């Protein structure tokens, strides 16, 4: 929120959720630029990624029992994957933090893989 406030938009947590949760970087960038009336600073995305990674490293944990739940799904013969509106880099980083990356490696799909992310049906 502080990075966005620096741009001149004192955004609230509720607005962050409403505007950006589940959206691609392209959507986030377009929304921010429209709101502030100018292009984002060239280092904005990297600063946001750096801050997000630090927050995730401090707070992200796998849901208790998730590995056995995934194993149970795999045992039925069902295919598994991760599909997210996040960037591949963030998905892999987060799965790595939780120890779940090996369970999905090679089966990770991102909004970066389609022409139109959420809310489009791509």
PDB file of N, CA and C in Angstrom:
ATOM      1  N   UNK A   1       0.819  -1.178   0.000  1.00  0.00           N
ATOM      2  CA  UNK A   1       0.000   0.000   0.000  1.00  0.00           C
ATOM      3  C   UNK A   1       0.870   1.252   0.000  1.00  0.00           C
ATOM      4  N   UNK A   2       2.005   1.180   0.680  1.00  0.00           N
ATOM      5  CA  UNK A   2       2.864   2.362   0.778  1.00  0.00           C
ATOM      6  C   UNK A   2       3.405   2.764  -0.591  1.00  0.00           C
ATOM      7  N   UNK A   3       3.753   1.780  -1.418  1.00  0.00           N
ATOM      8  CA  UNK A   3       4.257   2.101  -2.757  1.00  0.00           C
ATOM      9  C   UNK A   3       3.208   2.828  -3.581  1.00  0.00           C
ATOM     10  N   UNK A   4       1.975   2.408  -3.472  1.00  0.00           N
ATOM     11  CA  UNK A   4       0.896   3.052  -4.221  1.00  0.00           C
ATOM     12  C   UNK A   4       0.612   4.433  -3.645  1.00  0.00           C
ATOM     13  N   UNK A   5       0.676   4.553  -2.341  1.00  0.00           N
ATOM     14  CA  UNK A   5       0.477   5.863  -1.713  1.00  0.00           C
ATOM     15  C   UNK A   5       1.546   6.853  -2.179  1.00  0.00           C
ATOM     16  N   UNK A   6       2.773   6.367  -2.382  1.00  0.00           N
ATOM     17  CA  UNK A   6       3.849   7.230  -2.879  1.00  0.00           C
ATOM     18  C   UNK A   6       3.521   7.808  -4.256  1.00  0.00           C
ATOM     19  N   UNK A   7       2.686   7.098  -4.999  1.00  0.00           N
ATOM     20  CA  UNK A   7       2.294   7.565  -6.330  1.00  0.00           C
ATOM     21  C   UNK A   7       1.212   8.645  -6.258  1.00  0.00           C
ATOM     22  N   UNK A   8       0.647   8.832  -5.073  1.00  0.00           N
ATOM     23  CA  UNK A   8      -0.398   9.827  -4.915  1.00  0.00           C
ATOM     24  C   UNK A   8      -1.787   9.252  -4.741  1.00  0.00           C
ATOM     25  N   UNK A   9      -1.873   7.955  -4.529  1.00  0.00           N
ATOM     26  CA  UNK A   9      -3.165   7.307  -4.290  1.00  0.00           C
ATOM     27  C   UNK A   9      -3.112   6.670  -2.902  1.00  0.00           C
ATOM     28  N   UNK A  10      -3.665   7.307  -1.892  1.00  0.00           N
ATOM     29  CA  UNK A  10      -3.643   6.736  -0.535  1.00  0.00           C
ATOM     30  C   UNK A  10      -4.661   5.594  -0.426  1.00  0.00           C
ATOM     31  N   UNK A  11      -4.354   4.492  -1.046  1.00  0.00           N
ATOM     32  CA  UNK A  11      -5.265   3.352  -1.176  1.00  0.00           C
ATOM     33  C   UNK A  11      -5.421   2.608   0.144  1.00  0.00           C
ATOM     34  N   UNK A  12      -6.607   2.096   0.377  1.00  0.00           N
ATOM     35  CA  UNK A  12      -6.887   1.302   1.579  1.00  0.00           C
ATOM     36  C   UNK A  12      -6.707  -0.180   1.264  1.00  0.00           C
ATOM     37  N   UNK A  13      -6.637  -0.986   2.312  1.00  0.00           N
ATOM     38  CA  UNK A  13      -6.531  -2.437   2.134  1.00  0.00           C
ATOM     39  C   UNK A  13      -7.743  -2.975   1.381  1.00  0.00           C
ATOM     40  N   UNK A  14      -8.930  -2.442   1.693  1.00  0.00           N
ATOM     41  CA  UNK A  14     -10.150  -2.885   1.007  1.00  0.00           C
ATOM     42  C   UNK A  14     -10.082  -2.560  -0.489  1.00  0.00           C
ATOM     43  N   UNK A  15      -9.617  -1.351  -0.809  1.00  0.00           N
ATOM     44  CA  UNK A  15      -9.473  -0.977  -2.221  1.00  0.00           C
ATOM     45  C   UNK A  15      -8.446  -1.864  -2.922  1.00  0.00           C
ATOM     46  N   UNK A  16      -7.363  -2.186  -2.227  1.00  0.00           N
ATOM     47  CA  UNK A  16      -6.339  -3.072  -2.806  1.00  0.00           C
ATOM     48  C   UNK A  16      -6.972  -4.410  -3.196  1.00  0.00           C
ATOM     49  N   UNK A  17      -7.745  -4.957  -2.281  1.00  0.00           N
ATOM     50  CA  UNK A  17      -8.402  -6.238  -2.543  1.00  0.00           C
ATOM     51  C   UNK A  17      -9.369  -6.115  -3.714  1.00  0.00           C
ATOM     52  N   UNK A  18     -10.207  -5.094  -3.694  1.00  0.00           N
ATOM     53  CA  UNK A  18     -11.204  -4.903  -4.751  1.00  0.00           C
ATOM     54  C   UNK A  18     -10.565  -4.669  -6.120  1.00  0.00           C
ATOM     55  N   UNK A  19      -9.519  -3.885  -6.160  1.00  0.00           N
ATOM     56  CA  UNK A  19      -8.914  -3.482  -7.428  1.00  0.00           C
ATOM     57  C   UNK A  19      -7.920  -4.493  -7.988  1.00  0.00           C
ATOM     58  N   UNK A  20      -7.186  -5.200  -7.109  1.00  0.00           N
ATOM     59  CA  UNK A  20      -6.016  -5.931  -7.591  1.00  0.00           C
ATOM     60  C   UNK A  20      -5.982  -7.429  -7.306  1.00  0.00           C
ATOM     61  N   UNK A  21      -6.727  -7.905  -6.332  1.00  0.00           N
ATOM     62  CA  UNK A  21      -6.648  -9.324  -5.989  1.00  0.00           C
ATOM     63  C   UNK A  21      -7.044 -10.187  -7.177  1.00  0.00           C
ATOM     64  N   UNK A  22      -6.165 -11.089  -7.531  1.00  0.00           N
ATOM     65  CA  UNK A  22      -6.440 -12.008  -8.625  1.00  0.00           C
ATOM     66  C   UNK A  22      -6.260 -11.424 -10.008  1.00  0.00           C
ATOM     67  N   UNK A  23      -5.693 -10.240 -10.105  1.00  0.00           N
ATOM     68  CA  UNK A  23      -5.519  -9.585 -11.401  1.00  0.00           C
ATOM     69  C   UNK A  23      -4.070  -9.702 -11.869  1.00  0.00           C
ATOM     70  N   UNK A  24      -3.878  -9.637 -13.148  1.00  0.00           N
ATOM     71  CA  UNK A  24      -2.539  -9.712 -13.736  1.00  0.00           C
ATOM     72  C   UNK A  24      -1.787  -8.405 -13.532  1.00  0.00           C
ATOM     73  N   UNK A  25      -0.467  -8.449 -13.751  1.00  0.00           N
ATOM     74  CA  UNK A  25       0.336  -7.234 -13.666  1.00  0.00           C
ATOM     75  C   UNK A  25      -0.159  -6.209 -14.673  1.00  0.00           C
ATOM     76  N   UNK A  26      -0.493  -6.637 -15.882  1.00  0.00           N
ATOM     77  CA  UNK A  26      -0.958  -5.694 -16.914  1.00  0.00           C
ATOM     78  C   UNK A  26      -2.206  -4.944 -16.441  1.00  0.00           C
ATOM     79  N   UNK A  27      -3.120  -5.638 -15.806  1.00  0.00           N
ATOM     80  CA  UNK A  27      -4.331  -4.996 -15.291  1.00  0.00           C
ATOM     81  C   UNK A  27      -3.996  -4.050 -14.151  1.00  0.00           C
ATOM     82  N   UNK A  28      -3.141  -4.505 -13.250  1.00  0.00           N
ATOM     83  CA  UNK A  28      -2.732  -3.662 -12.131  1.00  0.00           C
ATOM     84  C   UNK A  28      -2.067  -2.387 -12.648  1.00  0.00           C
ATOM     85  N   UNK A  29      -1.147  -2.539 -13.593  1.00  0.00           N
ATOM     86  CA  UNK A  29      -0.439  -1.378 -14.136  1.00  0.00           C
ATOM     87  C   UNK A  29      -1.420  -0.407 -14.799  1.00  0.00           C
ATOM     88  N   UNK A  30      -2.313  -0.932 -15.613  1.00  0.00           N
ATOM     89  CA  UNK A  30      -3.278  -0.070 -16.301  1.00  0.00           C
ATOM     90  C   UNK A  30      -4.173   0.673 -15.297  1.00  0.00           C
ATOM     91  N   UNK A  31      -4.600  -0.016 -14.258  1.00  0.00           N
ATOM     92  CA  UNK A  31      -5.448   0.612 -13.243  1.00  0.00           C
ATOM     93  C   UNK A  31      -4.688   1.718 -12.517  1.00  0.00           C
ATOM     94  N   UNK A  32      -3.463   1.424 -12.112  1.00  0.00           N
ATOM     95  CA  UNK A  32      -2.665   2.431 -11.409  1.00  0.00           C
ATOM     96  C   UNK A  32      -2.403   3.649 -12.291  1.00  0.00           C
ATOM     97  N   UNK A  33      -1.990   3.405 -13.523  1.00  0.00           N
ATOM     98  CA  UNK A  33      -1.676   4.517 -14.410  1.00  0.00           C
ATOM     99  C   UNK A  33      -2.906   5.356 -14.714  1.00  0.00           C
ATOM    100  N   UNK A  34      -4.050   4.712 -14.846  1.00  0.00           N
ATOM    101  CA  UNK A  34      -5.291   5.446 -15.074  1.00  0.00           C
ATOM    102  C   UNK A  34      -5.622   6.309 -13.856  1.00  0.00           C
ATOM    103  N   UNK A  35      -5.449   5.735 -12.679  1.00  0.00           N
ATOM    104  CA  UNK A  35      -5.785   6.444 -11.437  1.00  0.00           C
ATOM    105  C   UNK A  35      -4.859   7.635 -11.175  1.00  0.00           C
ATOM    106  N   UNK A  36      -3.545   7.452 -11.429  1.00  0.00           N
ATOM    107  CA  UNK A  36      -2.595   8.529 -11.111  1.00  0.00           C
ATOM    108  C   UNK A  36      -2.354   9.469 -12.298  1.00  0.00           C
ATOM    109  N   UNK A  37      -2.828   9.067 -13.492  1.00  0.00           N
ATOM    110  CA  UNK A  37      -2.742   9.938 -14.652  1.00  0.00           C
ATOM    111  C   UNK A  37      -1.368  10.047 -15.293  1.00  0.00           C
ATOM    112  N   UNK A  38      -0.534   9.053 -15.068  1.00  0.00           N
ATOM    113  CA  UNK A  38       0.803   9.058 -15.677  1.00  0.00           C
ATOM    114  C   UNK A  38       1.370   7.638 -15.636  1.00  0.00           C
ATOM    115  N   UNK A  39       2.423   7.371 -16.414  1.00  0.00           N
ATOM    116  CA  UNK A  39       3.056   6.048 -16.354  1.00  0.00           C
ATOM    117  C   UNK A  39       3.691   5.796 -14.978  1.00  0.00           C
ATOM    118  N   UNK A  40       3.766   4.545 -14.614  1.00  0.00           N
ATOM    119  CA  UNK A  40       4.441   4.170 -13.375  1.00  0.00           C
ATOM    120  C   UNK A  40       5.938   4.435 -13.504  1.00  0.00           C
ATOM    121  N   UNK A  41       6.603   4.724 -12.404  1.00  0.00           N
ATOM    122  CA  UNK A  41       8.061   4.851 -12.454  1.00  0.00           C
ATOM    123  C   UNK A  41       8.683   3.552 -12.967  1.00  0.00           C
ATOM    124  N   UNK A  42       9.808   3.658 -13.632  1.00  0.00           N
ATOM    125  CA  UNK A  42      10.422   2.484 -14.264  1.00  0.00           C
ATOM    126  C   UNK A  42      10.796   1.395 -13.259  1.00  0.00           C
ATOM    127  N   UNK A  43      11.046   1.756 -12.013  1.00  0.00           N
ATOM    128  CA  UNK A  43      11.439   0.771 -11.012  1.00  0.00           C
ATOM    129  C   UNK A  43      10.273   0.272 -10.155  1.00  0.00           C
ATOM    130  N   UNK A  44       9.062   0.715 -10.454  1.00  0.00           N
ATOM    131  CA  UNK A  44       7.916   0.401  -9.590  1.00  0.00           C
ATOM    132  C   UNK A  44       7.685  -1.098  -9.473  1.00  0.00           C
ATOM    133  N   UNK A  45       7.653  -1.809 -10.591  1.00  0.00           N
ATOM    134  CA  UNK A  45       7.357  -3.246 -10.533  1.00  0.00           C
ATOM    135  C   UNK A  45       8.415  -3.982  -9.722  1.00  0.00           C
ATOM    136  N   UNK A  46       9.683  -3.678  -9.933  1.00  0.00           N
ATOM    137  CA  UNK A  46      10.738  -4.372  -9.195  1.00  0.00           C
ATOM    138  C   UNK A  46      10.649  -4.072  -7.700  1.00  0.00           C
ATOM    139  N   UNK A  47      10.344  -2.844  -7.354  1.00  0.00           N
ATOM    140  CA  UNK A  47      10.183  -2.496  -5.945  1.00  0.00           C
ATOM    141  C   UNK A  47       9.000  -3.261  -5.332  1.00  0.00           C
ATOM    142  N   UNK A  48       7.916  -3.367  -6.079  1.00  0.00           N
ATOM    143  CA  UNK A  48       6.745  -4.102  -5.592  1.00  0.00           C
ATOM    144  C   UNK A  48       7.077  -5.582  -5.409  1.00  0.00           C
ATOM    145  N   UNK A  49       7.796  -6.159  -6.366  1.00  0.00           N
ATOM    146  CA  UNK A  49       8.183  -7.573  -6.270  1.00  0.00           C
ATOM    147  C   UNK A  49       9.085  -7.790  -5.060  1.00  0.00           C
ATOM    148  N   UNK A  50      10.058  -6.911  -4.865  1.00  0.00           N
ATOM    149  CA  UNK A  50      10.983  -7.040  -3.740  1.00  0.00           C
ATOM    150  C   UNK A  50      10.232  -6.979  -2.411  1.00  0.00           C
ATOM    151  N   UNK A  51       9.319  -6.029  -2.275  1.00  0.00           N
ATOM    152  CA  UNK A  51       8.546  -5.917  -1.034  1.00  0.00           C
ATOM    153  C   UNK A  51       7.632  -7.122  -0.828  1.00  0.00           C
ATOM    154  N   UNK A  52       7.017  -7.576  -1.905  1.00  0.00           N
ATOM    155  CA  UNK A  52       6.126  -8.733  -1.803  1.00  0.00           C
ATOM    156  C   UNK A  52       6.902  -9.975  -1.398  1.00  0.00           C
ATOM    157  N   UNK A  53       8.061 -10.191  -2.006  1.00  0.00           N
ATOM    158  CA  UNK A  53       8.871 -11.363  -1.659  1.00  0.00           C
ATOM    159  C   UNK A  53       9.275 -11.335  -0.187  1.00  0.00           C
ATOM    160  N   UNK A  54       9.662 -10.178   0.311  1.00  0.00           N
ATOM    161  CA  UNK A  54      10.036 -10.071   1.729  1.00  0.00           C
ATOM    162  C   UNK A  54       8.849 -10.412   2.631  1.00  0.00           C
ATOM    163  N   UNK A  55       7.676  -9.920   2.278  1.00  0.00           N
ATOM    164  CA  UNK A  55       6.470 -10.214   3.054  1.00  0.00           C
ATOM    165  C   UNK A  55       6.149 -11.707   3.000  1.00  0.00           C
ATOM    166  N   UNK A  56       6.210 -12.289   1.815  1.00  0.00           N
ATOM    167  CA  UNK A  56       5.921 -13.711   1.675  1.00  0.00           C
ATOM    168  C   UNK A  56       6.918 -14.559   2.472  1.00  0.00           C
ATOM    169  N   UNK A  57       8.209 -14.210   2.389  1.00  0.00           N
ATOM    170  CA  UNK A  57       9.218 -14.973   3.132  1.00  0.00           C
ATOM    171  C   UNK A  57       8.926 -14.966   4.631  1.00  0.00           C
ATOM    172  N   UNK A  58       8.390 -13.878   5.122  1.00  0.00           N
ATOM    173  CA  UNK A  58       8.093 -13.759   6.547  1.00  0.00           C
ATOM    174  C   UNK A  58       6.789 -14.442   6.947  1.00  0.00           C
ATOM    175  N   UNK A  59       5.840 -14.569   6.019  1.00  0.00           N
ATOM    176  CA  UNK A  59       4.497 -14.977   6.439  1.00  0.00           C
ATOM    177  C   UNK A  59       3.871 -16.177   5.738  1.00  0.00           C
ATOM    178  N   UNK A  60       4.328 -16.557   4.568  1.00  0.00           N
ATOM    179  CA  UNK A  60       3.644 -17.617   3.813  1.00  0.00           C
ATOM    180  C   UNK A  60       4.030 -19.003   4.330  1.00  0.00           C
ATOM    181  N   UNK A  61       3.004 -19.785   4.602  1.00  0.00           N
ATOM    182  CA  UNK A  61       3.158 -21.172   5.025  1.00  0.00           C
ATOM    183  C   UNK A  61       2.187 -22.036   4.225  1.00  0.00           C
ATOM    184  N   UNK A  62       2.556 -23.285   4.029  1.00  0.00           N
ATOM    185  CA  UNK A  62       1.627 -24.218   3.388  1.00  0.00           C
ATOM    186  C   UNK A  62       0.473 -24.495   4.347  1.00  0.00           C
ATOM    187  N   UNK A  63      -0.702 -24.708   3.805  1.00  0.00           N
ATOM    188  CA  UNK A  63      -1.864 -25.084   4.607  1.00  0.00           C
ATOM    189  C   UNK A  63      -1.593 -26.464   5.209  1.00  0.00           C
ATOM    190  N   UNK A  64      -1.854 -26.616   6.481  1.00  0.00           N
ATOM    191  CA  UNK A  64      -1.639 -27.894   7.163  1.00  0.00           C
ATOM    192  C   UNK A  64      -2.394 -29.009   6.433  1.00  0.00           C
ATOM    193  N   UNK A  65      -1.705 -30.090   6.143  1.00  0.00           N
ATOM    194  CA  UNK A  65      -2.318 -31.253   5.514  1.00  0.00           C
ATOM    195  C   UNK A  65      -2.398 -31.193   4.003  1.00  0.00           C
ATOM    196  N   UNK A  66      -1.904 -30.115   3.377  1.00  0.00           N
ATOM    197  CA  UNK A  66      -2.059 -29.965   1.929  1.00  0.00           C
ATOM    198  C   UNK A  66      -1.293 -31.032   1.144  1.00  0.00           C
ATOM    199  N   UNK A  67      -0.104 -31.397   1.598  1.00  0.00           N
ATOM    200  CA  UNK A  67       0.669 -32.401   0.858  1.00  0.00           C
ATOM    201  C   UNK A  67      -0.062 -33.739   0.817  1.00  0.00           C
ATOM    202  N   UNK A  68      -0.648 -34.162   1.926  1.00  0.00           N
ATOM    203  CA  UNK A  68      -1.386 -35.432   1.920  1.00  0.00           C
ATOM    204  C   UNK A  68      -2.666 -35.311   1.106  1.00  0.00           C
ATOM    205  N   UNK A  69      -3.287 -34.139   1.112  1.00  0.00           N
ATOM    206  CA  UNK A  69      -4.482 -33.937   0.281  1.00  0.00           C
ATOM    207  C   UNK A  69      -4.135 -34.033  -1.195  1.00  0.00           C
ATOM    208  N   UNK A  70      -3.040 -33.425  -1.590  1.00  0.00           N
ATOM    209  CA  UNK A  70      -2.602 -33.501  -2.991  1.00  0.00           C
ATOM    210  C   UNK A  70      -2.256 -34.942  -3.347  1.00  0.00           C
ATOM    211  N   UNK A  71      -1.561 -35.627  -2.455  1.00  0.00           N
ATOM    212  CA  UNK A  71      -1.221 -37.036  -2.703  1.00  0.00           C
ATOM    213  C   UNK A  71      -2.486 -37.864  -2.883  1.00  0.00           C
ATOM    214  N   UNK A  72      -3.513 -37.592  -2.100  1.00  0.00           N
ATOM    215  CA  UNK A  72      -4.782 -38.309  -2.240  1.00  0.00           C
ATOM    216  C   UNK A  72      -5.424 -38.067  -3.588  1.00  0.00           C
ATOM    217  N   UNK A  73      -5.357 -36.848  -4.082  1.00  0.00           N
ATOM    218  CA  UNK A  73      -5.903 -36.534  -5.405  1.00  0.00           C
ATOM    219  C   UNK A  73      -5.114 -37.281  -6.474  1.00  0.00           C
ATOM    220  N   UNK A  74      -3.799 -37.249  -6.369  1.00  0.00           N
ATOM    221  CA  UNK A  74      -2.941 -37.924  -7.351  1.00  0.00           C
ATOM    222  C   UNK A  74      -3.202 -39.430  -7.353  1.00  0.00           C
ATOM    223  N   UNK A  75      -3.404 -40.007  -6.173  1.00  0.00           N
ATOM    224  CA  UNK A  75      -3.688 -41.448  -6.065  1.00  0.00           C
ATOM    225  C   UNK A  75      -4.955 -41.846  -6.804  1.00  0.00           C
ATOM    226  N   UNK A  76      -5.899 -40.946  -6.966  1.00  0.00           N
ATOM    227  CA  UNK A  76      -7.126 -41.271  -7.693  1.00  0.00           C
ATOM    228  C   UNK A  76      -6.908 -41.280  -9.197  1.00  0.00           C
ATOM    229  N   UNK A  77      -5.742 -40.801  -9.632  1.00  0.00           N
ATOM    230  CA  UNK A  77      -5.455 -40.715 -11.053  1.00  0.00           C
ATOM    231  C   UNK A  77      -5.805 -39.367 -11.658  1.00  0.00           C
ATOM    232  N   UNK A  78      -6.318 -38.466 -10.842  1.00  0.00           N
ATOM    233  CA  UNK A  78      -6.667 -37.135 -11.344  1.00  0.00           C
ATOM    234  C   UNK A  78      -5.397 -36.326 -11.598  1.00  0.00           C
ATOM    235  N   UNK A  79      -5.465 -35.487 -12.601  1.00  0.00           N
ATOM    236  CA  UNK A  79      -4.346 -34.600 -12.904  1.00  0.00           C
ATOM    237  C   UNK A  79      -4.383 -33.405 -11.965  1.00  0.00           C
ATOM    238  N   UNK A  80      -3.228 -32.878 -11.644  1.00  0.00           N
ATOM    239  CA  UNK A  80      -3.135 -31.699 -10.801  1.00  0.00           C
ATOM    240  C   UNK A  80      -2.331 -30.615 -11.507  1.00  0.00           C
ATOM    241  N   UNK A  81      -2.607 -29.385 -11.131  1.00  0.00           N
ATOM    242  CA  UNK A  81      -1.845 -28.257 -11.650  1.00  0.00           C
ATOM    243  C   UNK A  81      -2.106 -27.070 -10.734  1.00  0.00           C
ATOM    244  N   UNK A  82      -1.382 -26.004 -10.985  1.00  0.00           N
ATOM    245  CA  UNK A  82      -1.660 -24.729 -10.344  1.00  0.00           C
ATOM    246  C   UNK A  82      -2.003 -23.761 -11.463  1.00  0.00           C
ATOM    247  N   UNK A  83      -3.120 -23.076 -11.330  1.00  0.00           N
ATOM    248  CA  UNK A  83      -3.529 -22.044 -12.275  1.00  0.00           C
ATOM    249  C   UNK A  83      -3.739 -20.771 -11.472  1.00  0.00           C
ATOM    250  N   UNK A  84      -3.090 -19.704 -11.904  1.00  0.00           N
ATOM    251  CA  UNK A  84      -3.128 -18.469 -11.127  1.00  0.00           C
ATOM    252  C   UNK A  84      -3.092 -17.257 -12.044  1.00  0.00           C
ATOM    253  N   UNK A  85      -3.632 -16.163 -11.560  1.00  0.00           N
ATOM    254  CA  UNK A  85      -3.514 -14.915 -12.298  1.00  0.00           C
ATOM    255  C   UNK A  85      -2.177 -14.243 -11.992  1.00  0.00           C
ATOM    256  N   UNK A  86      -1.417 -14.804 -11.070  1.00  0.00           N
ATOM    257  CA  UNK A  86      -0.101 -14.267 -10.747  1.00  0.00           C
ATOM    258  C   UNK A  86       0.921 -14.598 -11.822  1.00  0.00           C
ATOM    259  N   UNK A  87       2.050 -13.944 -11.740  1.00  0.00           N
ATOM    260  CA  UNK A  87       3.158 -14.182 -12.667  1.00  0.00           C
ATOM    261  C   UNK A  87       3.832 -15.505 -12.327  1.00  0.00           C
ATOM    262  N   UNK A  88       4.418 -16.132 -13.346  1.00  0.00           N
ATOM    263  CA  UNK A  88       5.137 -17.391 -13.120  1.00  0.00           C
ATOM    264  C   UNK A  88       6.170 -17.241 -12.006  1.00  0.00           C
ATOM    265  N   UNK A  89       6.908 -16.138 -12.031  1.00  0.00           N
ATOM    266  CA  UNK A  89       7.939 -15.916 -11.020  1.00  0.00           C
ATOM    267  C   UNK A  89       7.347 -15.961  -9.616  1.00  0.00           C
ATOM    268  N   UNK A  90       6.220 -15.298  -9.407  1.00  0.00           N
ATOM    269  CA  UNK A  90       5.608 -15.277  -8.077  1.00  0.00           C
ATOM    270  C   UNK A  90       5.055 -16.656  -7.707  1.00  0.00           C
ATOM    271  N   UNK A  91       4.435 -17.326  -8.649  1.00  0.00           N
ATOM    272  CA  UNK A  91       3.874 -18.651  -8.360  1.00  0.00           C
ATOM    273  C   UNK A  91       4.987 -19.598  -7.930  1.00  0.00           C
ATOM    274  N   UNK A  92       6.068 -19.638  -8.695  1.00  0.00           N
ATOM    275  CA  UNK A  92       7.182 -20.538  -8.380  1.00  0.00           C
ATOM    276  C   UNK A  92       7.830 -20.152  -7.043  1.00  0.00           C
ATOM    277  N   UNK A  93       7.970 -18.862  -6.807  1.00  0.00           N
ATOM    278  CA  UNK A  93       8.555 -18.395  -5.549  1.00  0.00           C
ATOM    279  C   UNK A  93       7.709 -18.852  -4.365  1.00  0.00           C
ATOM    280  N   UNK A  94       6.398 -18.637  -4.454  1.00  0.00           N
ATOM    281  CA  UNK A  94       5.509 -18.985  -3.350  1.00  0.00           C
ATOM    282  C   UNK A  94       5.452 -20.497  -3.133  1.00  0.00           C
ATOM    283  N   UNK A  95       5.326 -21.250  -4.214  1.00  0.00           N
ATOM    284  CA  UNK A  95       5.322 -22.708  -4.066  1.00  0.00           C
ATOM    285  C   UNK A  95       6.642 -23.205  -3.491  1.00  0.00           C
ATOM    286  N   UNK A  96       7.740 -22.552  -3.867  1.00  0.00           N
ATOM    287  CA  UNK A  96       9.039 -22.916  -3.308  1.00  0.00           C
ATOM    288  C   UNK A  96       9.102 -22.662  -1.807  1.00  0.00           C
ATOM    289  N   UNK A  97       8.571 -21.534  -1.370  1.00  0.00           N
ATOM    290  CA  UNK A  97       8.554 -21.228   0.067  1.00  0.00           C
ATOM    291  C   UNK A  97       7.788 -22.276   0.861  1.00  0.00           C
ATOM    292  N   UNK A  98       6.725 -22.781   0.286  1.00  0.00           N
ATOM    293  CA  UNK A  98       5.874 -23.746   0.994  1.00  0.00           C
ATOM    294  C   UNK A  98       6.338 -25.186   0.830  1.00  0.00           C
ATOM    295  N   UNK A  99       7.325 -25.401  -0.035  1.00  0.00           N
ATOM    296  CA  UNK A  99       7.806 -26.755  -0.292  1.00  0.00           C
ATOM    297  C   UNK A  99       6.943 -27.526  -1.277  1.00  0.00           C
ATOM    298  N   UNK A 100       5.993 -26.839  -1.910  1.00  0.00           N
ATOM    299  CA  UNK A 100       5.056 -27.522  -2.808  1.00  0.00           C
ATOM    300  C   UNK A 100       5.476 -27.486  -4.279  1.00  0.00           C
ATOM    301  N   UNK A 101       6.513 -26.747  -4.612  1.00  0.00           N
ATOM    302  CA  UNK A 101       6.918 -26.629  -6.011  1.00  0.00           C
ATOM    303  C   UNK A 101       7.156 -27.976  -6.693  1.00  0.00           C
ATOM    304  N   UNK A 102       7.853 -28.918  -6.063  1.00  0.00           N
ATOM    305  CA  UNK A 102       8.073 -30.206  -6.746  1.00  0.00           C
ATOM    306  C   UNK A 102       6.782 -30.962  -7.091  1.00  0.00           C
ATOM    307  N   UNK A 103       5.716 -30.682  -6.358  1.00  0.00           N
ATOM    308  CA  UNK A 103       4.450 -31.369  -6.606  1.00  0.00           C
ATOM    309  C   UNK A 103       3.744 -30.854  -7.867  1.00  0.00           C
ATOM    310  N   UNK A 104       4.143 -29.672  -8.344  1.00  0.00           N
ATOM    311  CA  UNK A 104       3.466 -29.063  -9.490  1.00  0.00           C
ATOM    312  C   UNK A 104       4.401 -28.665 -10.621  1.00  0.00           C
ATOM    313  N   UNK A 105       5.692 -28.848 -10.438  1.00  0.00           N
ATOM    314  CA  UNK A 105       6.649 -28.396 -11.444  1.00  0.00           C
ATOM    315  C   UNK A 105       6.290 -28.973 -12.816  1.00  0.00           C
ATOM    316  N   UNK A 106       6.240 -28.101 -13.803  1.00  0.00           N
ATOM    317  CA  UNK A 106       5.855 -28.503 -15.155  1.00  0.00           C
ATOM    318  C   UNK A 106       4.359 -28.413 -15.418  1.00  0.00           C
ATOM    319  N   UNK A 107       3.589 -28.111 -14.363  1.00  0.00           N
ATOM    320  CA  UNK A 107       2.139 -27.997 -14.503  1.00  0.00           C
ATOM    321  C   UNK A 107       1.651 -26.733 -13.813  1.00  0.00           C
ATOM    322  N   UNK A 108       2.308 -25.626 -14.135  1.00  0.00           N
ATOM    323  CA  UNK A 108       1.968 -24.331 -13.562  1.00  0.00           C
ATOM    324  C   UNK A 108       1.518 -23.421 -14.698  1.00  0.00           C
ATOM    325  N   UNK A 109       0.349 -22.820 -14.532  1.00  0.00           N
ATOM    326  CA  UNK A 109      -0.231 -21.965 -15.564  1.00  0.00           C
ATOM    327  C   UNK A 109      -0.542 -20.602 -14.974  1.00  0.00           C
ATOM    328  N   UNK A 110      -0.248 -19.573 -15.749  1.00  0.00           N
ATOM    329  CA  UNK A 110      -0.360 -18.198 -15.283  1.00  0.00           C
ATOM    330  C   UNK A 110      -1.163 -17.365 -16.263  1.00  0.00           C
ATOM    331  N   UNK A 111      -1.658 -16.237 -15.785  1.00  0.00           N
ATOM    332  CA  UNK A 111      -2.301 -15.277 -16.687  1.00  0.00           C
ATOM    333  C   UNK A 111      -1.331 -14.821 -17.766  1.00  0.00           C
ATOM    334  N   UNK A 112      -0.045 -14.963 -17.507  1.00  0.00           N
ATOM    335  CA  UNK A 112       0.962 -14.631 -18.515  1.00  0.00           C
ATOM    336  C   UNK A 112       0.872 -15.560 -19.733  1.00  0.00           C
ATOM    337  N   UNK A 113       0.196 -16.690 -19.582  1.00  0.00           N
ATOM    338  CA  UNK A 113       0.102 -17.681 -20.658  1.00  0.00           C
ATOM    339  C   UNK A 113      -1.087 -17.471 -21.587  1.00  0.00           C
ATOM    340  N   UNK A 114      -1.937 -16.503 -21.266  1.00  0.00           N
ATOM    341  CA  UNK A 114      -3.134 -16.260 -22.065  1.00  0.00           C
ATOM    342  C   UNK A 114      -3.191 -14.802 -22.506  1.00  0.00           C
ATOM    343  N   UNK A 115      -3.990 -14.543 -23.513  1.00  0.00           N
ATOM    344  CA  UNK A 115      -4.123 -13.172 -24.003  1.00  0.00           C
ATOM    345  C   UNK A 115      -4.841 -12.277 -23.016  1.00  0.00           C
ATOM    346  N   UNK A 116      -5.866 -12.832 -22.360  1.00  0.00           N
ATOM    347  CA  UNK A 116      -6.679 -12.042 -21.427  1.00  0.00           C
ATOM    348  C   UNK A 116      -6.811 -12.811 -20.124  1.00  0.00           C
ATOM    349  N   UNK A 117      -6.333 -12.211 -19.027  1.00  0.00           N
ATOM    350  CA  UNK A 117      -6.481 -12.844 -17.711  1.00  0.00           C
ATOM    351  C   UNK A 117      -7.848 -12.534 -17.129  1.00  0.00           C
ATOM    352  N   UNK A 118      -7.981 -12.716 -15.815  1.00  0.00           N
ATOM    353  CA  UNK A 118      -9.244 -12.436 -15.140  1.00  0.00           C
ATOM    354  C   UNK A 118      -9.720 -11.036 -15.479  1.00  0.00           C
ATOM    355  N   UNK A 119     -10.958 -10.851 -15.585  1.00  0.00           N
ATOM    356  CA  UNK A 119     -12.062 -11.794 -15.418  1.00  0.00           C
ATOM    357  C   UNK A 119     -12.459 -12.499 -16.717  1.00  0.00           C
ATOM    358  N   UNK A 120     -11.671 -12.307 -17.788  1.00  0.00           N
ATOM    359  CA  UNK A 120     -11.973 -12.989 -19.057  1.00  0.00           C
ATOM    360  C   UNK A 120     -11.843 -14.504 -18.859  1.00  0.00           C
ATOM    361  N   UNK A 121     -12.494 -15.271 -19.686  1.00  0.00           N
ATOM    362  CA  UNK A 121     -12.484 -16.732 -19.511  1.00  0.00           C
ATOM    363  C   UNK A 121     -11.242 -17.425 -20.063  1.00  0.00           C
ATOM    364  N   UNK A 122     -10.240 -16.665 -20.533  1.00  0.00           N
ATOM    365  CA  UNK A 122      -9.052 -17.308 -21.092  1.00  0.00           C
ATOM    366  C   UNK A 122      -8.372 -18.219 -20.090  1.00  0.00           C
TER     367      UNK A 122
END
